[in-house]
Amino acid sequence: MTHLANEIGALRARIENLHLDMIELREDVKTLNSQVSMGKGAVRFVGIAGSVILALTTAIAWFGQNFKSISQ
């Protein structure tokens, strides 16, 4: 009977450790999820900013080409 009680105690300790590991893993996943969300936002911002810069550069080049002949 003592051996059985020791085994049950060992199993309880393992379950507690697994539970604590799961809590730690859940916190790590939450942190990683927030970092991924911030990364997505940064990529979205860079994409929009790049598109705006490209559009402005293209418009300036187009105006420069079209109005160069008028000013000469």
PDB file of N, CA and C in Angstrom:
ATOM      1  N   MET A   1       0.817  -1.195   0.000  1.00  0.00           N
ATOM      2  CA  MET A   1       0.000   0.000   0.000  1.00  0.00           C
ATOM      3  C   MET A   1       0.863   1.261   0.000  1.00  0.00           C
ATOM      4  N   THR A   2       1.981   1.207   0.704  1.00  0.00           N
ATOM      5  CA  THR A   2       2.879   2.357   0.754  1.00  0.00           C
ATOM      6  C   THR A   2       3.440   2.659  -0.633  1.00  0.00           C
ATOM      7  N   HIS A   3       3.759   1.597  -1.364  1.00  0.00           N
ATOM      8  CA  HIS A   3       4.282   1.764  -2.716  1.00  0.00           C
ATOM      9  C   HIS A   3       3.244   2.458  -3.604  1.00  0.00           C
ATOM     10  N   LEU A   4       1.999   2.064  -3.471  1.00  0.00           N
ATOM     11  CA  LEU A   4       0.923   2.685  -4.245  1.00  0.00           C
ATOM     12  C   LEU A   4       0.764   4.167  -3.877  1.00  0.00           C
ATOM     13  N   ALA A   5       0.862   4.492  -2.605  1.00  0.00           N
ATOM     14  CA  ALA A   5       0.766   5.881  -2.165  1.00  0.00           C
ATOM     15  C   ALA A   5       1.933   6.703  -2.725  1.00  0.00           C
ATOM     16  N   ASN A   6       3.122   6.108  -2.772  1.00  0.00           N
ATOM     17  CA  ASN A   6       4.280   6.799  -3.344  1.00  0.00           C
ATOM     18  C   ASN A   6       4.083   7.048  -4.836  1.00  0.00           C
ATOM     19  N   GLU A   7       3.543   6.063  -5.529  1.00  0.00           N
ATOM     20  CA  GLU A   7       3.292   6.218  -6.971  1.00  0.00           C
ATOM     21  C   GLU A   7       2.263   7.319  -7.234  1.00  0.00           C
ATOM     22  N   ILE A   8       1.212   7.336  -6.417  1.00  0.00           N
ATOM     23  CA  ILE A   8       0.185   8.373  -6.565  1.00  0.00           C
ATOM     24  C   ILE A   8       0.795   9.750  -6.295  1.00  0.00           C
ATOM     25  N   GLY A   9       1.633   9.857  -5.282  1.00  0.00           N
ATOM     26  CA  GLY A   9       2.305  11.115  -4.987  1.00  0.00           C
ATOM     27  C   GLY A   9       3.198  11.560  -6.143  1.00  0.00           C
ATOM     28  N   ALA A  10       3.902  10.618  -6.745  1.00  0.00           N
ATOM     29  CA  ALA A  10       4.764  10.938  -7.877  1.00  0.00           C
ATOM     30  C   ALA A  10       3.934  11.403  -9.069  1.00  0.00           C
ATOM     31  N   LEU A  11       2.805  10.730  -9.289  1.00  0.00           N
ATOM     32  CA  LEU A  11       1.923  11.137 -10.386  1.00  0.00           C
ATOM     33  C   LEU A  11       1.354  12.532 -10.153  1.00  0.00           C
ATOM     34  N   ARG A  12       0.988  12.840  -8.930  1.00  0.00           N
ATOM     35  CA  ARG A  12       0.490  14.185  -8.608  1.00  0.00           C
ATOM     36  C   ARG A  12       1.557  15.235  -8.897  1.00  0.00           C
ATOM     37  N   ALA A  13       2.788  14.928  -8.506  1.00  0.00           N
ATOM     38  CA  ALA A  13       3.881  15.874  -8.755  1.00  0.00           C
ATOM     39  C   ALA A  13       4.077  16.079 -10.261  1.00  0.00           C
ATOM     40  N   ARG A  14       4.015  15.003 -11.020  1.00  0.00           N
ATOM     41  CA  ARG A  14       4.149  15.120 -12.475  1.00  0.00           C
ATOM     42  C   ARG A  14       3.016  15.952 -13.077  1.00  0.00           C
ATOM     43  N   ILE A  15       1.802  15.715 -12.594  1.00  0.00           N
ATOM     44  CA  ILE A  15       0.649  16.473 -13.100  1.00  0.00           C
ATOM     45  C   ILE A  15       0.800  17.952 -12.759  1.00  0.00           C
ATOM     46  N   GLU A  16       1.254  18.254 -11.540  1.00  0.00           N
ATOM     47  CA  GLU A  16       1.472  19.658 -11.172  1.00  0.00           C
ATOM     48  C   GLU A  16       2.525  20.296 -12.065  1.00  0.00           C
ATOM     49  N   ASN A  17       3.608  19.583 -12.326  1.00  0.00           N
ATOM     50  CA  ASN A  17       4.662  20.123 -13.194  1.00  0.00           C
ATOM     51  C   ASN A  17       4.147  20.324 -14.619  1.00  0.00           C
ATOM     52  N   LEU A  18       3.361  19.379 -15.111  1.00  0.00           N
ATOM     53  CA  LEU A  18       2.781  19.534 -16.440  1.00  0.00           C
ATOM     54  C   LEU A  18       1.850  20.739 -16.493  1.00  0.00           C
ATOM     55  N   HIS A  19       1.071  20.913 -15.442  1.00  0.00           N
ATOM     56  CA  HIS A  19       0.147  22.045 -15.381  1.00  0.00           C
ATOM     57  C   HIS A  19       0.923  23.366 -15.398  1.00  0.00           C
ATOM     58  N   LEU A  20       1.984  23.448 -14.603  1.00  0.00           N
ATOM     59  CA  LEU A  20       2.803  24.657 -14.583  1.00  0.00           C
ATOM     60  C   LEU A  20       3.474  24.893 -15.933  1.00  0.00           C
ATOM     61  N   ASP A  21       3.926  23.816 -16.577  1.00  0.00           N
ATOM     62  CA  ASP A  21       4.523  23.938 -17.912  1.00  0.00           C
ATOM     63  C   ASP A  21       3.493  24.439 -18.929  1.00  0.00           C
ATOM     64  N   MET A  22       2.250  23.959 -18.801  1.00  0.00           N
ATOM     65  CA  MET A  22       1.198  24.400 -19.717  1.00  0.00           C
ATOM     66  C   MET A  22       0.890  25.884 -19.509  1.00  0.00           C
ATOM     67  N   ILE A  23       0.878  26.333 -18.265  1.00  0.00           N
ATOM     68  CA  ILE A  23       0.630  27.753 -17.985  1.00  0.00           C
ATOM     69  C   ILE A  23       1.753  28.595 -18.578  1.00  0.00           C
ATOM     70  N   GLU A  24       2.996  28.146 -18.400  1.00  0.00           N
ATOM     71  CA  GLU A  24       4.138  28.874 -18.956  1.00  0.00           C
ATOM     72  C   GLU A  24       4.072  28.895 -20.483  1.00  0.00           C
ATOM     73  N   LEU A  25       3.716  27.767 -21.078  1.00  0.00           N
ATOM     74  CA  LEU A  25       3.591  27.694 -22.531  1.00  0.00           C
ATOM     75  C   LEU A  25       2.486  28.624 -23.026  1.00  0.00           C
ATOM     76  N   ARG A  26       1.362  28.684 -22.316  1.00  0.00           N
ATOM     77  CA  ARG A  26       0.264  29.561 -22.694  1.00  0.00           C
ATOM     78  C   ARG A  26       0.707  31.019 -22.676  1.00  0.00           C
ATOM     79  N   GLU A  27       1.479  31.408 -21.657  1.00  0.00           N
ATOM     80  CA  GLU A  27       1.991  32.776 -21.578  1.00  0.00           C
ATOM     81  C   GLU A  27       2.955  33.060 -22.730  1.00  0.00           C
ATOM     82  N   ASP A  28       3.794  32.081 -23.063  1.00  0.00           N
ATOM     83  CA  ASP A  28       4.721  32.256 -24.185  1.00  0.00           C
ATOM     84  C   ASP A  28       3.965  32.421 -25.499  1.00  0.00           C
ATOM     85  N   VAL A  29       2.904  31.656 -25.673  1.00  0.00           N
ATOM     86  CA  VAL A  29       2.101  31.755 -26.893  1.00  0.00           C
ATOM     87  C   VAL A  29       1.417  33.122 -26.968  1.00  0.00           C
ATOM     88  N   LYS A  30       0.915  33.621 -25.844  1.00  0.00           N
ATOM     89  CA  LYS A  30       0.296  34.955 -25.823  1.00  0.00           C
ATOM     90  C   LYS A  30       1.314  36.020 -26.224  1.00  0.00           C
ATOM     91  N   THR A  31       2.518  35.926 -25.667  1.00  0.00           N
ATOM     92  CA  THR A  31       3.569  36.893 -25.992  1.00  0.00           C
ATOM     93  C   THR A  31       3.933  36.816 -27.467  1.00  0.00           C
ATOM     94  N   LEU A  32       4.101  35.610 -27.967  1.00  0.00           N
ATOM     95  CA  LEU A  32       4.438  35.428 -29.375  1.00  0.00           C
ATOM     96  C   LEU A  32       3.324  35.945 -30.280  1.00  0.00           C
ATOM     97  N   ASN A  33       2.093  35.710 -29.882  1.00  0.00           N
ATOM     98  CA  ASN A  33       0.952  36.183 -30.661  1.00  0.00           C
ATOM     99  C   ASN A  33       0.934  37.706 -30.745  1.00  0.00           C
ATOM    100  N   SER A  34       1.221  38.377 -29.638  1.00  0.00           N
ATOM    101  CA  SER A  34       1.241  39.841 -29.669  1.00  0.00           C
ATOM    102  C   SER A  34       2.405  40.347 -30.516  1.00  0.00           C
ATOM    103  N   GLN A  35       3.541  39.656 -30.479  1.00  0.00           N
ATOM    104  CA  GLN A  35       4.677  40.056 -31.308  1.00  0.00           C
ATOM    105  C   GLN A  35       4.369  39.875 -32.790  1.00  0.00           C
ATOM    106  N   VAL A  36       3.685  38.795 -33.118  1.00  0.00           N
ATOM    107  CA  VAL A  36       3.301  38.558 -34.516  1.00  0.00           C
ATOM    108  C   VAL A  36       2.318  39.633 -34.966  1.00  0.00           C
ATOM    109  N   SER A  37       1.383  40.010 -34.102  1.00  0.00           N
ATOM    110  CA  SER A  37       0.428  41.058 -34.444  1.00  0.00           C
ATOM    111  C   SER A  37       1.132  42.379 -34.693  1.00  0.00           C
ATOM    112  N   MET A  38       2.106  42.704 -33.850  1.00  0.00           N
ATOM    113  CA  MET A  38       2.872  43.941 -34.054  1.00  0.00           C
ATOM    114  C   MET A  38       3.663  43.858 -35.355  1.00  0.00           C
ATOM    115  N   GLY A  39       4.211  42.689 -35.648  1.00  0.00           N
ATOM    116  CA  GLY A  39       4.957  42.516 -36.892  1.00  0.00           C
ATOM    117  C   GLY A  39       4.070  42.683 -38.107  1.00  0.00           C
ATOM    118  N   LYS A  40       2.855  42.136 -38.028  1.00  0.00           N
ATOM    119  CA  LYS A  40       1.906  42.306 -39.137  1.00  0.00           C
ATOM    120  C   LYS A  40       1.572  43.773 -39.344  1.00  0.00           C
ATOM    121  N   GLY A  41       1.372  44.487 -38.246  1.00  0.00           N
ATOM    122  CA  GLY A  41       1.079  45.914 -38.342  1.00  0.00           C
ATOM    123  C   GLY A  41       2.236  46.684 -38.955  1.00  0.00           C
ATOM    124  N   ALA A  42       3.458  46.325 -38.556  1.00  0.00           N
ATOM    125  CA  ALA A  42       4.635  47.002 -39.113  1.00  0.00           C
ATOM    126  C   ALA A  42       4.766  46.720 -40.603  1.00  0.00           C
ATOM    127  N   VAL A  43       4.545  45.474 -40.998  1.00  0.00           N
ATOM    128  CA  VAL A  43       4.632  45.122 -42.422  1.00  0.00           C
ATOM    129  C   VAL A  43       3.551  45.849 -43.210  1.00  0.00           C
ATOM    130  N   ARG A  44       2.353  45.929 -42.656  1.00  0.00           N
ATOM    131  CA  ARG A  44       1.258  46.636 -43.315  1.00  0.00           C
ATOM    132  C   ARG A  44       1.606  48.115 -43.476  1.00  0.00           C
ATOM    133  N   PHE A  45       2.154  48.733 -42.416  1.00  0.00           N
ATOM    134  CA  PHE A  45       2.536  50.148 -42.484  1.00  0.00           C
ATOM    135  C   PHE A  45       3.615  50.372 -43.538  1.00  0.00           C
ATOM    136  N   VAL A  46       4.629  49.506 -43.550  1.00  0.00           N
ATOM    137  CA  VAL A  46       5.705  49.651 -44.533  1.00  0.00           C
ATOM    138  C   VAL A  46       5.156  49.478 -45.941  1.00  0.00           C
ATOM    139  N   GLY A  47       4.240  48.546 -46.131  1.00  0.00           N
ATOM    140  CA  GLY A  47       3.642  48.347 -47.444  1.00  0.00           C
ATOM    141  C   GLY A  47       2.851  49.554 -47.907  1.00  0.00           C
ATOM    142  N   ILE A  48       2.066  50.127 -47.014  1.00  0.00           N
ATOM    143  CA  ILE A  48       1.264  51.306 -47.371  1.00  0.00           C
ATOM    144  C   ILE A  48       2.181  52.497 -47.633  1.00  0.00           C
ATOM    145  N   ALA A  49       3.176  52.699 -46.763  1.00  0.00           N
ATOM    146  CA  ALA A  49       4.107  53.813 -46.951  1.00  0.00           C
ATOM    147  C   ALA A  49       4.870  53.652 -48.260  1.00  0.00           C
ATOM    148  N   GLY A  50       5.301  52.437 -48.569  1.00  0.00           N
ATOM    149  CA  GLY A  50       6.000  52.190 -49.823  1.00  0.00           C
ATOM    150  C   GLY A  50       5.126  52.462 -51.029  1.00  0.00           C
ATOM    151  N   SER A  51       3.878  52.073 -50.939  1.00  0.00           N
ATOM    152  CA  SER A  51       2.944  52.323 -52.040  1.00  0.00           C
ATOM    153  C   SER A  51       2.731  53.814 -52.257  1.00  0.00           C
ATOM    154  N   VAL A  52       2.599  54.553 -51.161  1.00  0.00           N
ATOM    155  CA  VAL A  52       2.414  56.005 -51.269  1.00  0.00           C
ATOM    156  C   VAL A  52       3.656  56.654 -51.878  1.00  0.00           C
ATOM    157  N   ILE A  53       4.831  56.256 -51.415  1.00  0.00           N
ATOM    158  CA  ILE A  53       6.073  56.808 -51.967  1.00  0.00           C
ATOM    159  C   ILE A  53       6.211  56.466 -53.441  1.00  0.00           C
ATOM    160  N   LEU A  54       5.887  55.234 -53.809  1.00  0.00           N
ATOM    161  CA  LEU A  54       5.952  54.829 -55.216  1.00  0.00           C
ATOM    162  C   LEU A  54       4.973  55.640 -56.062  1.00  0.00           C
ATOM    163  N   ALA A  55       3.758  55.836 -55.562  1.00  0.00           N
ATOM    164  CA  ALA A  55       2.766  56.603 -56.308  1.00  0.00           C
ATOM    165  C   ALA A  55       3.216  58.056 -56.478  1.00  0.00           C
ATOM    166  N   LEU A  56       3.741  58.665 -55.417  1.00  0.00           N
ATOM    167  CA  LEU A  56       4.218  60.045 -55.511  1.00  0.00           C
ATOM    168  C   LEU A  56       5.400  60.165 -56.470  1.00  0.00           C
ATOM    169  N   THR A  57       6.329  59.232 -56.383  1.00  0.00           N
ATOM    170  CA  THR A  57       7.487  59.257 -57.284  1.00  0.00           C
ATOM    171  C   THR A  57       7.050  59.097 -58.731  1.00  0.00           C
ATOM    172  N   THR A  58       6.126  58.192 -58.972  1.00  0.00           N
ATOM    173  CA  THR A  58       5.625  57.974 -60.328  1.00  0.00           C
ATOM    174  C   THR A  58       4.905  59.218 -60.842  1.00  0.00           C
ATOM    175  N   ALA A  59       4.087  59.830 -59.994  1.00  0.00           N
ATOM    176  CA  ALA A  59       3.361  61.038 -60.404  1.00  0.00           C
ATOM    177  C   ALA A  59       4.333  62.170 -60.703  1.00  0.00           C
ATOM    178  N   ILE A  60       5.353  62.347 -59.872  1.00  0.00           N
ATOM    179  CA  ILE A  60       6.338  63.407 -60.106  1.00  0.00           C
ATOM    180  C   ILE A  60       7.100  63.148 -61.399  1.00  0.00           C
ATOM    181  N   ALA A  61       7.491  61.906 -61.639  1.00  0.00           N
ATOM    182  CA  ALA A  61       8.202  61.574 -62.880  1.00  0.00           C
ATOM    183  C   ALA A  61       7.308  61.806 -64.088  1.00  0.00           C
ATOM    184  N   TRP A  62       6.031  61.445 -63.960  1.00  0.00           N
ATOM    185  CA  TRP A  62       5.092  61.628 -65.079  1.00  0.00           C
ATOM    186  C   TRP A  62       4.904  63.118 -65.388  1.00  0.00           C
ATOM    187  N   PHE A  63       4.702  63.906 -64.312  1.00  0.00           N
ATOM    188  CA  PHE A  63       4.579  65.356 -64.518  1.00  0.00           C
ATOM    189  C   PHE A  63       5.860  65.926 -65.127  1.00  0.00           C
ATOM    190  N   GLY A  64       6.990  65.469 -64.658  1.00  0.00           N
ATOM    191  CA  GLY A  64       8.266  65.949 -65.180  1.00  0.00           C
ATOM    192  C   GLY A  64       8.422  65.643 -66.658  1.00  0.00           C
ATOM    193  N   GLN A  65       8.015  64.437 -67.063  1.00  0.00           N
ATOM    194  CA  GLN A  65       8.125  64.079 -68.475  1.00  0.00           C
ATOM    195  C   GLN A  65       7.114  64.835 -69.335  1.00  0.00           C
ATOM    196  N   ASN A  66       5.905  64.993 -68.853  1.00  0.00           N
ATOM    197  CA  ASN A  66       4.868  65.640 -69.644  1.00  0.00           C
ATOM    198  C   ASN A  66       5.049  67.147 -69.738  1.00  0.00           C
ATOM    199  N   PHE A  67       5.523  67.778 -68.697  1.00  0.00           N
ATOM    200  CA  PHE A  67       5.624  69.227 -68.704  1.00  0.00           C
ATOM    201  C   PHE A  67       7.038  69.717 -69.062  1.00  0.00           C
ATOM    202  N   LYS A  68       7.970  68.767 -69.274  1.00  0.00           N
ATOM    203  CA  LYS A  68       9.305  69.171 -69.696  1.00  0.00           C
ATOM    204  C   LYS A  68       9.259  69.795 -71.096  1.00  0.00           C
ATOM    205  N   SER A  69       8.466  69.218 -71.983  1.00  0.00           N
ATOM    206  CA  SER A  69       8.373  69.729 -73.350  1.00  0.00           C
ATOM    207  C   SER A  69       7.663  71.089 -73.396  1.00  0.00           C
ATOM    208  N   ILE A  70       6.763  71.353 -72.463  1.00  0.00           N
ATOM    209  CA  ILE A  70       6.040  72.628 -72.432  1.00  0.00           C
ATOM    210  C   ILE A  70       6.977  73.761 -71.984  1.00  0.00           C
ATOM    211  N   SER A  71       7.814  73.478 -71.006  1.00  0.00           N
ATOM    212  CA  SER A  71       8.666  74.533 -70.464  1.00  0.00           C
ATOM    213  C   SER A  71       9.856  74.826 -71.373  1.00  0.00           C
ATOM    214  N   GLN A  72      10.188  73.971 -72.307  1.00  0.00           N
ATOM    215  CA  GLN A  72      11.335  74.215 -73.196  1.00  0.00           C
ATOM    216  C   GLN A  72      10.981  75.037 -74.374  1.00  0.00           C
TER     217      GLN A  72
END
